[in-house]
Amino acid sequence: MACNLGRARGYREKQGTEVATLVAKPELPLKIASRLYRDVEKGAHNFDRILSDMEDADVSDELLEAADALAELWSKLSVASANKRRELQGFPPITMSGAPH
């Protein structure tokens, strides 16, 4: 399972880089930003279920720590994609307590 989690981490990190690249583009169309947000939210929701299953399965602390790091990445991607959409709609960004500005 550790090998699969390592591959999943690499894939998600690549996906995170792609999302970060897209949200940095000032010319990103609202339609694409909205699709990106929906896709990230779907991925975050799916990962939350995986994390819950891992906790129920009583996997090792090492795997849970890696999964928690991935969950944090999903959270950051979610906020970044939501903020890009809000920016394109003329709304202020969402800020989270404890998050760097």
PDB file of N, CA and C in Angstrom:
ATOM      1  N   MET A   1       0.817  -1.195   0.000  1.00  0.00           N
ATOM      2  CA  MET A   1       0.000   0.000   0.000  1.00  0.00           C
ATOM      3  C   MET A   1       0.861   1.259   0.000  1.00  0.00           C
ATOM      4  N   ALA A   2       2.024   1.223   0.653  1.00  0.00           N
ATOM      5  CA  ALA A   2       2.904   2.388   0.694  1.00  0.00           C
ATOM      6  C   ALA A   2       3.345   2.792  -0.702  1.00  0.00           C
ATOM      7  N   CYS A   3       3.614   1.812  -1.549  1.00  0.00           N
ATOM      8  CA  CYS A   3       4.021   2.107  -2.912  1.00  0.00           C
ATOM      9  C   CYS A   3       2.891   2.802  -3.665  1.00  0.00           C
ATOM     10  N   ASN A   4       1.668   2.308  -3.493  1.00  0.00           N
ATOM     11  CA  ASN A   4       0.523   2.925  -4.149  1.00  0.00           C
ATOM     12  C   ASN A   4       0.293   4.334  -3.630  1.00  0.00           C
ATOM     13  N   LEU A   5       0.451   4.543  -2.333  1.00  0.00           N
ATOM     14  CA  LEU A   5       0.286   5.871  -1.764  1.00  0.00           C
ATOM     15  C   LEU A   5       1.356   6.808  -2.294  1.00  0.00           C
ATOM     16  N   GLY A   6       2.564   6.308  -2.469  1.00  0.00           N
ATOM     17  CA  GLY A   6       3.641   7.119  -3.038  1.00  0.00           C
ATOM     18  C   GLY A   6       3.324   7.549  -4.459  1.00  0.00           C
ATOM     19  N   ARG A   7       2.805   6.629  -5.248  1.00  0.00           N
ATOM     20  CA  ARG A   7       2.405   6.974  -6.619  1.00  0.00           C
ATOM     21  C   ARG A   7       1.258   7.965  -6.611  1.00  0.00           C
ATOM     22  N   ALA A   8       0.292   7.752  -5.708  1.00  0.00           N
ATOM     23  CA  ALA A   8      -0.842   8.667  -5.607  1.00  0.00           C
ATOM     24  C   ALA A   8      -0.363  10.058  -5.211  1.00  0.00           C
ATOM     25  N   ARG A   9       0.606  10.107  -4.284  1.00  0.00           N
ATOM     26  CA  ARG A   9       1.145  11.400  -3.850  1.00  0.00           C
ATOM     27  C   ARG A   9       1.803  12.112  -5.026  1.00  0.00           C
ATOM     28  N   GLY A  10       2.587  11.389  -5.813  1.00  0.00           N
ATOM     29  CA  GLY A  10       3.235  11.987  -6.978  1.00  0.00           C
ATOM     30  C   GLY A  10       2.228  12.505  -7.984  1.00  0.00           C
ATOM     31  N   TYR A  11       1.185  11.720  -8.233  1.00  0.00           N
ATOM     32  CA  TYR A  11       0.130  12.143  -9.163  1.00  0.00           C
ATOM     33  C   TYR A  11      -0.577  13.385  -8.641  1.00  0.00           C
ATOM     34  N   ARG A  12      -0.912  13.392  -7.353  1.00  0.00           N
ATOM     35  CA  ARG A  12      -1.631  14.537  -6.775  1.00  0.00           C
ATOM     36  C   ARG A  12      -0.743  15.775  -6.736  1.00  0.00           C
ATOM     37  N   GLU A  13       0.536  15.598  -6.466  1.00  0.00           N
ATOM     38  CA  GLU A  13       1.434  16.752  -6.473  1.00  0.00           C
ATOM     39  C   GLU A  13       1.510  17.347  -7.873  1.00  0.00           C
ATOM     40  N   LYS A  14       1.550  16.487  -8.891  1.00  0.00           N
ATOM     41  CA  LYS A  14       1.553  16.969 -10.273  1.00  0.00           C
ATOM     42  C   LYS A  14       0.251  17.698 -10.567  1.00  0.00           C
ATOM     43  N   GLN A  15      -0.867  17.116 -10.115  1.00  0.00           N
ATOM     44  CA  GLN A  15      -2.157  17.746 -10.331  1.00  0.00           C
ATOM     45  C   GLN A  15      -2.204  19.085  -9.599  1.00  0.00           C
ATOM     46  N   GLY A  16      -1.655  19.133  -8.400  1.00  0.00           N
ATOM     47  CA  GLY A  16      -1.618  20.380  -7.646  1.00  0.00           C
ATOM     48  C   GLY A  16      -0.829  21.454  -8.366  1.00  0.00           C
ATOM     49  N   THR A  17       0.275  21.070  -8.981  1.00  0.00           N
ATOM     50  CA  THR A  17       1.080  22.019  -9.755  1.00  0.00           C
ATOM     51  C   THR A  17       0.287  22.531 -10.950  1.00  0.00           C
ATOM     52  N   GLU A  18      -0.450  21.643 -11.601  1.00  0.00           N
ATOM     53  CA  GLU A  18      -1.263  22.051 -12.753  1.00  0.00           C
ATOM     54  C   GLU A  18      -2.365  23.015 -12.331  1.00  0.00           C
ATOM     55  N   VAL A  19      -3.017  22.747 -11.201  1.00  0.00           N
ATOM     56  CA  VAL A  19      -4.059  23.650 -10.702  1.00  0.00           C
ATOM     57  C   VAL A  19      -3.440  25.000 -10.374  1.00  0.00           C
ATOM     58  N   ALA A  20      -2.295  24.998  -9.689  1.00  0.00           N
ATOM     59  CA  ALA A  20      -1.625  26.251  -9.335  1.00  0.00           C
ATOM     60  C   ALA A  20      -1.259  27.050 -10.582  1.00  0.00           C
ATOM     61  N   THR A  21      -0.826  26.367 -11.627  1.00  0.00           N
ATOM     62  CA  THR A  21      -0.484  27.045 -12.882  1.00  0.00           C
ATOM     63  C   THR A  21      -1.717  27.681 -13.496  1.00  0.00           C
ATOM     64  N   LEU A  22      -2.827  26.962 -13.495  1.00  0.00           N
ATOM     65  CA  LEU A  22      -4.062  27.499 -14.071  1.00  0.00           C
ATOM     66  C   LEU A  22      -4.589  28.691 -13.290  1.00  0.00           C
ATOM     67  N   VAL A  23      -4.620  28.597 -11.959  1.00  0.00           N
ATOM     68  CA  VAL A  23      -5.188  29.705 -11.189  1.00  0.00           C
ATOM     69  C   VAL A  23      -4.315  30.951 -11.250  1.00  0.00           C
ATOM     70  N   ALA A  24      -3.057  30.811 -11.624  1.00  0.00           N
ATOM     71  CA  ALA A  24      -2.171  31.966 -11.752  1.00  0.00           C
ATOM     72  C   ALA A  24      -2.397  32.722 -13.055  1.00  0.00           C
ATOM     73  N   LYS A  25      -3.088  32.112 -14.004  1.00  0.00           N
ATOM     74  CA  LYS A  25      -3.306  32.754 -15.306  1.00  0.00           C
ATOM     75  C   LYS A  25      -4.400  33.818 -15.206  1.00  0.00           C
ATOM     76  N   PRO A  26      -4.042  35.068 -15.467  1.00  0.00           N
ATOM     77  CA  PRO A  26      -5.055  36.124 -15.377  1.00  0.00           C
ATOM     78  C   PRO A  26      -6.126  36.001 -16.463  1.00  0.00           C
ATOM     79  N   GLU A  27      -5.802  35.378 -17.581  1.00  0.00           N
ATOM     80  CA  GLU A  27      -6.747  35.290 -18.700  1.00  0.00           C
ATOM     81  C   GLU A  27      -7.590  34.021 -18.674  1.00  0.00           C
ATOM     82  N   LEU A  28      -7.548  33.271 -17.588  1.00  0.00           N
ATOM     83  CA  LEU A  28      -8.323  32.039 -17.481  1.00  0.00           C
ATOM     84  C   LEU A  28      -9.810  32.359 -17.593  1.00  0.00           C
ATOM     85  N   PRO A  29     -10.522  31.741 -18.537  1.00  0.00           N
ATOM     86  CA  PRO A  29     -11.965  32.008 -18.669  1.00  0.00           C
ATOM     87  C   PRO A  29     -12.739  31.495 -17.452  1.00  0.00           C
ATOM     88  N   LEU A  30     -13.805  32.193 -17.094  1.00  0.00           N
ATOM     89  CA  LEU A  30     -14.630  31.814 -15.952  1.00  0.00           C
ATOM     90  C   LEU A  30     -15.160  30.396 -16.106  1.00  0.00           C
ATOM     91  N   LYS A  31     -15.521  30.000 -17.308  1.00  0.00           N
ATOM     92  CA  LYS A  31     -16.045  28.653 -17.543  1.00  0.00           C
ATOM     93  C   LYS A  31     -15.002  27.592 -17.149  1.00  0.00           C
ATOM     94  N   ILE A  32     -13.750  27.819 -17.518  1.00  0.00           N
ATOM     95  CA  ILE A  32     -12.674  26.880 -17.175  1.00  0.00           C
ATOM     96  C   ILE A  32     -12.410  26.912 -15.664  1.00  0.00           C
ATOM     97  N   ALA A  33     -12.416  28.110 -15.073  1.00  0.00           N
ATOM     98  CA  ALA A  33     -12.198  28.234 -13.628  1.00  0.00           C
ATOM     99  C   ALA A  33     -13.307  27.515 -12.856  1.00  0.00           C
ATOM    100  N   SER A  34     -14.525  27.602 -13.341  1.00  0.00           N
ATOM    101  CA  SER A  34     -15.647  26.928 -12.685  1.00  0.00           C
ATOM    102  C   SER A  34     -15.516  25.416 -12.795  1.00  0.00           C
ATOM    103  N   ARG A  35     -15.110  24.937 -13.946  1.00  0.00           N
ATOM    104  CA  ARG A  35     -14.903  23.494 -14.134  1.00  0.00           C
ATOM    105  C   ARG A  35     -13.758  23.006 -13.243  1.00  0.00           C
ATOM    106  N   LEU A  36     -12.699  23.789 -13.184  1.00  0.00           N
ATOM    107  CA  LEU A  36     -11.556  23.444 -12.333  1.00  0.00           C
ATOM    108  C   LEU A  36     -11.997  23.327 -10.878  1.00  0.00           C
ATOM    109  N   TYR A  37     -12.782  24.296 -10.424  1.00  0.00           N
ATOM    110  CA  TYR A  37     -13.272  24.285  -9.050  1.00  0.00           C
ATOM    111  C   TYR A  37     -14.113  23.028  -8.788  1.00  0.00           C
ATOM    112  N   ARG A  38     -15.025  22.707  -9.690  1.00  0.00           N
ATOM    113  CA  ARG A  38     -15.863  21.509  -9.521  1.00  0.00           C
ATOM    114  C   ARG A  38     -15.012  20.249  -9.469  1.00  0.00           C
ATOM    115  N   ASP A  39     -14.024  20.160 -10.363  1.00  0.00           N
ATOM    116  CA  ASP A  39     -13.154  18.977 -10.394  1.00  0.00           C
ATOM    117  C   ASP A  39     -12.335  18.842  -9.111  1.00  0.00           C
ATOM    118  N   VAL A  40     -11.811  19.957  -8.621  1.00  0.00           N
ATOM    119  CA  VAL A  40     -11.022  19.925  -7.384  1.00  0.00           C
ATOM    120  C   VAL A  40     -11.919  19.538  -6.208  1.00  0.00           C
ATOM    121  N   GLU A  41     -13.115  20.099  -6.143  1.00  0.00           N
ATOM    122  CA  GLU A  41     -14.031  19.755  -5.057  1.00  0.00           C
ATOM    123  C   GLU A  41     -14.405  18.275  -5.094  1.00  0.00           C
ATOM    124  N   LYS A  42     -14.612  17.747  -6.280  1.00  0.00           N
ATOM    125  CA  LYS A  42     -14.928  16.317  -6.423  1.00  0.00           C
ATOM    126  C   LYS A  42     -13.744  15.467  -5.936  1.00  0.00           C
ATOM    127  N   GLY A  43     -12.533  15.845  -6.349  1.00  0.00           N
ATOM    128  CA  GLY A  43     -11.340  15.122  -5.913  1.00  0.00           C
ATOM    129  C   GLY A  43     -11.150  15.199  -4.411  1.00  0.00           C
ATOM    130  N   ALA A  44     -11.385  16.377  -3.835  1.00  0.00           N
ATOM    131  CA  ALA A  44     -11.238  16.552  -2.386  1.00  0.00           C
ATOM    132  C   ALA A  44     -12.253  15.685  -1.642  1.00  0.00           C
ATOM    133  N   HIS A  45     -13.472  15.655  -2.132  1.00  0.00           N
ATOM    134  CA  HIS A  45     -14.512  14.836  -1.501  1.00  0.00           C
ATOM    135  C   HIS A  45     -14.149  13.354  -1.579  1.00  0.00           C
ATOM    136  N   ASN A  46     -13.697  12.920  -2.750  1.00  0.00           N
ATOM    137  CA  ASN A  46     -13.291  11.521  -2.909  1.00  0.00           C
ATOM    138  C   ASN A  46     -12.132  11.171  -1.988  1.00  0.00           C
ATOM    139  N   PHE A  47     -11.178  12.090  -1.861  1.00  0.00           N
ATOM    140  CA  PHE A  47     -10.038  11.817  -0.988  1.00  0.00           C
ATOM    141  C   PHE A  47     -10.465  11.772   0.475  1.00  0.00           C
ATOM    142  N   ASP A  48     -11.424  12.604   0.859  1.00  0.00           N
ATOM    143  CA  ASP A  48     -11.928  12.552   2.231  1.00  0.00           C
ATOM    144  C   ASP A  48     -12.496  11.172   2.558  1.00  0.00           C
ATOM    145  N   ARG A  49     -13.174  10.577   1.586  1.00  0.00           N
ATOM    146  CA  ARG A  49     -13.710   9.221   1.795  1.00  0.00           C
ATOM    147  C   ARG A  49     -12.578   8.206   1.936  1.00  0.00           C
ATOM    148  N   ILE A  50     -11.557   8.342   1.121  1.00  0.00           N
ATOM    149  CA  ILE A  50     -10.401   7.443   1.214  1.00  0.00           C
ATOM    150  C   ILE A  50      -9.734   7.585   2.582  1.00  0.00           C
ATOM    151  N   LEU A  51      -9.540   8.810   3.016  1.00  0.00           N
ATOM    152  CA  LEU A  51      -8.917   9.064   4.314  1.00  0.00           C
ATOM    153  C   LEU A  51      -9.751   8.450   5.437  1.00  0.00           C
ATOM    154  N   SER A  52     -11.045   8.600   5.359  1.00  0.00           N
ATOM    155  CA  SER A  52     -11.935   8.008   6.358  1.00  0.00           C
ATOM    156  C   SER A  52     -11.817   6.485   6.368  1.00  0.00           C
ATOM    157  N   ASP A  53     -11.770   5.897   5.178  1.00  0.00           N
ATOM    158  CA  ASP A  53     -11.608   4.444   5.078  1.00  0.00           C
ATOM    159  C   ASP A  53     -10.271   3.999   5.665  1.00  0.00           C
ATOM    160  N   MET A  54      -9.235   4.790   5.435  1.00  0.00           N
ATOM    161  CA  MET A  54      -7.924   4.450   5.984  1.00  0.00           C
ATOM    162  C   MET A  54      -7.957   4.488   7.503  1.00  0.00           C
ATOM    163  N   GLU A  55      -8.610   5.494   8.054  1.00  0.00           N
ATOM    164  CA  GLU A  55      -8.700   5.597   9.514  1.00  0.00           C
ATOM    165  C   GLU A  55      -9.491   4.424  10.082  1.00  0.00           C
ATOM    166  N   ASP A  56     -10.569   4.043   9.395  1.00  0.00           N
ATOM    167  CA  ASP A  56     -11.373   2.901   9.838  1.00  0.00           C
ATOM    168  C   ASP A  56     -10.598   1.594   9.735  1.00  0.00           C
ATOM    169  N   ALA A  57      -9.693   1.502   8.767  1.00  0.00           N
ATOM    170  CA  ALA A  57      -8.914   0.284   8.555  1.00  0.00           C
ATOM    171  C   ALA A  57      -7.712   0.206   9.493  1.00  0.00           C
ATOM    172  N   ASP A  58      -7.507   1.243  10.262  1.00  0.00           N
ATOM    173  CA  ASP A  58      -6.413   1.259  11.227  1.00  0.00           C
ATOM    174  C   ASP A  58      -5.058   1.042  10.549  1.00  0.00           C
ATOM    175  N   VAL A  59      -4.807   1.829   9.511  1.00  0.00           N
ATOM    176  CA  VAL A  59      -3.518   1.732   8.820  1.00  0.00           C
ATOM    177  C   VAL A  59      -2.430   2.384   9.669  1.00  0.00           C
ATOM    178  N   SER A  60      -1.201   2.204   9.266  1.00  0.00           N
ATOM    179  CA  SER A  60      -0.061   2.707  10.048  1.00  0.00           C
ATOM    180  C   SER A  60      -0.081   4.234  10.149  1.00  0.00           C
ATOM    181  N   ASP A  61       0.548   4.717  11.199  1.00  0.00           N
ATOM    182  CA  ASP A  61       0.651   6.167  11.399  1.00  0.00           C
ATOM    183  C   ASP A  61       1.378   6.835  10.242  1.00  0.00           C
ATOM    184  N   GLU A  62       2.378   6.150   9.704  1.00  0.00           N
ATOM    185  CA  GLU A  62       3.140   6.702   8.577  1.00  0.00           C
ATOM    186  C   GLU A  62       2.223   6.962   7.381  1.00  0.00           C
ATOM    187  N   LEU A  63       1.366   6.010   7.075  1.00  0.00           N
ATOM    188  CA  LEU A  63       0.440   6.186   5.953  1.00  0.00           C
ATOM    189  C   LEU A  63      -0.591   7.270   6.245  1.00  0.00           C
ATOM    190  N   LEU A  64      -1.076   7.318   7.479  1.00  0.00           N
ATOM    191  CA  LEU A  64      -2.040   8.360   7.838  1.00  0.00           C
ATOM    192  C   LEU A  64      -1.413   9.749   7.754  1.00  0.00           C
ATOM    193  N   GLU A  65      -0.159   9.876   8.151  1.00  0.00           N
ATOM    194  CA  GLU A  65       0.526  11.167   8.043  1.00  0.00           C
ATOM    195  C   GLU A  65       0.661  11.594   6.587  1.00  0.00           C
ATOM    196  N   ALA A  66       1.003  10.656   5.727  1.00  0.00           N
ATOM    197  CA  ALA A  66       1.101  10.962   4.295  1.00  0.00           C
ATOM    198  C   ALA A  66      -0.266  11.334   3.743  1.00  0.00           C
ATOM    199  N   ALA A  67      -1.287  10.605   4.152  1.00  0.00           N
ATOM    200  CA  ALA A  67      -2.641  10.900   3.691  1.00  0.00           C
ATOM    201  C   ALA A  67      -3.107  12.258   4.202  1.00  0.00           C
ATOM    202  N   ASP A  68      -2.752  12.599   5.427  1.00  0.00           N
ATOM    203  CA  ASP A  68      -3.105  13.923   5.968  1.00  0.00           C
ATOM    204  C   ASP A  68      -2.441  15.036   5.163  1.00  0.00           C
ATOM    205  N   ALA A  69      -1.204  14.807   4.744  1.00  0.00           N
ATOM    206  CA  ALA A  69      -0.505  15.802   3.917  1.00  0.00           C
ATOM    207  C   ALA A  69      -1.225  15.981   2.583  1.00  0.00           C
ATOM    208  N   LEU A  70      -1.693  14.875   2.018  1.00  0.00           N
ATOM    209  CA  LEU A  70      -2.451  14.970   0.763  1.00  0.00           C
ATOM    210  C   LEU A  70      -3.791  15.680   0.978  1.00  0.00           C
ATOM    211  N   ALA A  71      -4.424  15.411   2.099  1.00  0.00           N
ATOM    212  CA  ALA A  71      -5.687  16.084   2.408  1.00  0.00           C
ATOM    213  C   ALA A  71      -5.474  17.596   2.523  1.00  0.00           C
ATOM    214  N   GLU A  72      -4.364  17.983   3.115  1.00  0.00           N
ATOM    215  CA  GLU A  72      -4.032  19.416   3.228  1.00  0.00           C
ATOM    216  C   GLU A  72      -3.830  20.027   1.835  1.00  0.00           C
ATOM    217  N   LEU A  73      -3.186  19.283   0.959  1.00  0.00           N
ATOM    218  CA  LEU A  73      -3.006  19.747  -0.416  1.00  0.00           C
ATOM    219  C   LEU A  73      -4.362  19.944  -1.098  1.00  0.00           C
ATOM    220  N   TRP A  74      -5.261  18.987  -0.933  1.00  0.00           N
ATOM    221  CA  TRP A  74      -6.606  19.120  -1.512  1.00  0.00           C
ATOM    222  C   TRP A  74      -7.299  20.365  -0.981  1.00  0.00           C
ATOM    223  N   SER A  75      -7.151  20.631   0.313  1.00  0.00           N
ATOM    224  CA  SER A  75      -7.767  21.810   0.915  1.00  0.00           C
ATOM    225  C   SER A  75      -7.225  23.093   0.284  1.00  0.00           C
ATOM    226  N   LYS A  76      -5.914  23.147   0.116  1.00  0.00           N
ATOM    227  CA  LYS A  76      -5.298  24.328  -0.496  1.00  0.00           C
ATOM    228  C   LYS A  76      -5.730  24.498  -1.951  1.00  0.00           C
ATOM    229  N   LEU A  77      -5.824  23.389  -2.677  1.00  0.00           N
ATOM    230  CA  LEU A  77      -6.277  23.452  -4.068  1.00  0.00           C
ATOM    231  C   LEU A  77      -7.724  23.931  -4.147  1.00  0.00           C
ATOM    232  N   SER A  78      -8.527  23.488  -3.209  1.00  0.00           N
ATOM    233  CA  SER A  78      -9.923  23.890  -3.174  1.00  0.00           C
ATOM    234  C   SER A  78     -10.061  25.397  -2.965  1.00  0.00           C
ATOM    235  N   VAL A  79      -9.340  25.911  -1.993  1.00  0.00           N
ATOM    236  CA  VAL A  79      -9.399  27.356  -1.719  1.00  0.00           C
ATOM    237  C   VAL A  79      -8.841  28.145  -2.903  1.00  0.00           C
ATOM    238  N   ALA A  80      -7.733  27.695  -3.478  1.00  0.00           N
ATOM    239  CA  ALA A  80      -7.128  28.408  -4.611  1.00  0.00           C
ATOM    240  C   ALA A  80      -8.076  28.441  -5.814  1.00  0.00           C
ATOM    241  N   SER A  81      -8.715  27.314  -6.107  1.00  0.00           N
ATOM    242  CA  SER A  81      -9.614  27.289  -7.267  1.00  0.00           C
ATOM    243  C   SER A  81     -10.884  28.090  -6.989  1.00  0.00           C
ATOM    244  N   ALA A  82     -11.374  28.051  -5.748  1.00  0.00           N
ATOM    245  CA  ALA A  82     -12.548  28.867  -5.392  1.00  0.00           C
ATOM    246  C   ALA A  82     -12.212  30.351  -5.494  1.00  0.00           C
ATOM    247  N   ASN A  83     -11.025  30.729  -5.028  1.00  0.00           N
ATOM    248  CA  ASN A  83     -10.629  32.138  -5.084  1.00  0.00           C
ATOM    249  C   ASN A  83     -10.436  32.627  -6.512  1.00  0.00           C
ATOM    250  N   LYS A  84      -9.928  31.770  -7.388  1.00  0.00           N
ATOM    251  CA  LYS A  84      -9.773  32.173  -8.785  1.00  0.00           C
ATOM    252  C   LYS A  84     -11.147  32.446  -9.386  1.00  0.00           C
ATOM    253  N   ARG A  85     -12.076  31.575  -9.106  1.00  0.00           N
ATOM    254  CA  ARG A  85     -13.442  31.756  -9.604  1.00  0.00           C
ATOM    255  C   ARG A  85     -14.042  33.047  -9.037  1.00  0.00           C
ATOM    256  N   ARG A  86     -13.860  33.275  -7.749  1.00  0.00           N
ATOM    257  CA  ARG A  86     -14.376  34.496  -7.119  1.00  0.00           C
ATOM    258  C   ARG A  86     -13.717  35.742  -7.718  1.00  0.00           C
ATOM    259  N   GLU A  87     -12.422  35.662  -7.944  1.00  0.00           N
ATOM    260  CA  GLU A  87     -11.691  36.788  -8.545  1.00  0.00           C
ATOM    261  C   GLU A  87     -12.283  37.137  -9.912  1.00  0.00           C
ATOM    262  N   LEU A  88     -12.528  36.138 -10.725  1.00  0.00           N
ATOM    263  CA  LEU A  88     -13.073  36.363 -12.065  1.00  0.00           C
ATOM    264  C   LEU A  88     -14.498  36.900 -12.025  1.00  0.00           C
ATOM    265  N   GLN A  89     -15.199  36.639 -10.917  1.00  0.00           N
ATOM    266  CA  GLN A  89     -16.560  37.144 -10.749  1.00  0.00           C
ATOM    267  C   GLN A  89     -16.583  38.509 -10.054  1.00  0.00           C
ATOM    268  N   GLY A  90     -15.407  39.003  -9.657  1.00  0.00           N
ATOM    269  CA  GLY A  90     -15.306  40.310  -9.020  1.00  0.00           C
ATOM    270  C   GLY A  90     -15.539  40.297  -7.515  1.00  0.00           C
ATOM    271  N   PHE A  91     -15.431  39.123  -6.886  1.00  0.00           N
ATOM    272  CA  PHE A  91     -15.612  39.005  -5.442  1.00  0.00           C
ATOM    273  C   PHE A  91     -14.261  38.911  -4.739  1.00  0.00           C
ATOM    274  N   PRO A  92     -14.218  39.273  -3.443  1.00  0.00           N
ATOM    275  CA  PRO A  92     -12.968  39.160  -2.688  1.00  0.00           C
ATOM    276  C   PRO A  92     -12.644  37.686  -2.432  1.00  0.00           C
ATOM    277  N   PRO A  93     -11.375  37.401  -2.171  1.00  0.00           N
ATOM    278  CA  PRO A  93     -10.967  36.013  -1.928  1.00  0.00           C
ATOM    279  C   PRO A  93     -11.461  35.494  -0.579  1.00  0.00           C
ATOM    280  N   ILE A  94     -11.556  34.196  -0.490  1.00  0.00           N
ATOM    281  CA  ILE A  94     -11.849  33.516   0.760  1.00  0.00           C
ATOM    282  C   ILE A  94     -10.543  33.465   1.546  1.00  0.00           C
ATOM    283  N   THR A  95     -10.590  33.798   2.815  1.00  0.00           N
ATOM    284  CA  THR A  95      -9.405  33.667   3.650  1.00  0.00           C
ATOM    285  C   THR A  95      -9.732  32.685   4.766  1.00  0.00           C
ATOM    286  N   MET A  96      -8.739  31.904   5.121  1.00  0.00           N
ATOM    287  CA  MET A  96      -8.911  30.924   6.185  1.00  0.00           C
ATOM    288  C   MET A  96      -7.989  31.292   7.323  1.00  0.00           C
ATOM    289  N   SER A  97      -8.471  31.163   8.552  1.00  0.00           N
ATOM    290  CA  SER A  97      -7.626  31.487   9.694  1.00  0.00           C
ATOM    291  C   SER A  97      -6.406  30.572   9.707  1.00  0.00           C
ATOM    292  N   GLY A  98      -5.280  31.145   9.982  1.00  0.00           N
ATOM    293  CA  GLY A  98      -4.050  30.380  10.007  1.00  0.00           C
ATOM    294  C   GLY A  98      -3.397  30.246   8.643  1.00  0.00           C
ATOM    295  N   ALA A  99      -4.093  30.662   7.591  1.00  0.00           N
ATOM    296  CA  ALA A  99      -3.535  30.570   6.241  1.00  0.00           C
ATOM    297  C   ALA A  99      -2.705  31.801   5.941  1.00  0.00           C
ATOM    298  N   PRO A 100      -1.564  31.636   5.269  1.00  0.00           N
ATOM    299  CA  PRO A 100      -0.756  32.808   4.916  1.00  0.00           C
ATOM    300  C   PRO A 100      -1.492  33.654   3.895  1.00  0.00           C
ATOM    301  N   HIS A 101      -1.322  34.948   3.949  1.00  0.00           N
ATOM    302  CA  HIS A 101      -2.019  35.861   3.035  1.00  0.00           C
ATOM    303  C   HIS A 101      -1.178  36.214   1.852  1.00  0.00           C
TER     304      HIS A 101
END
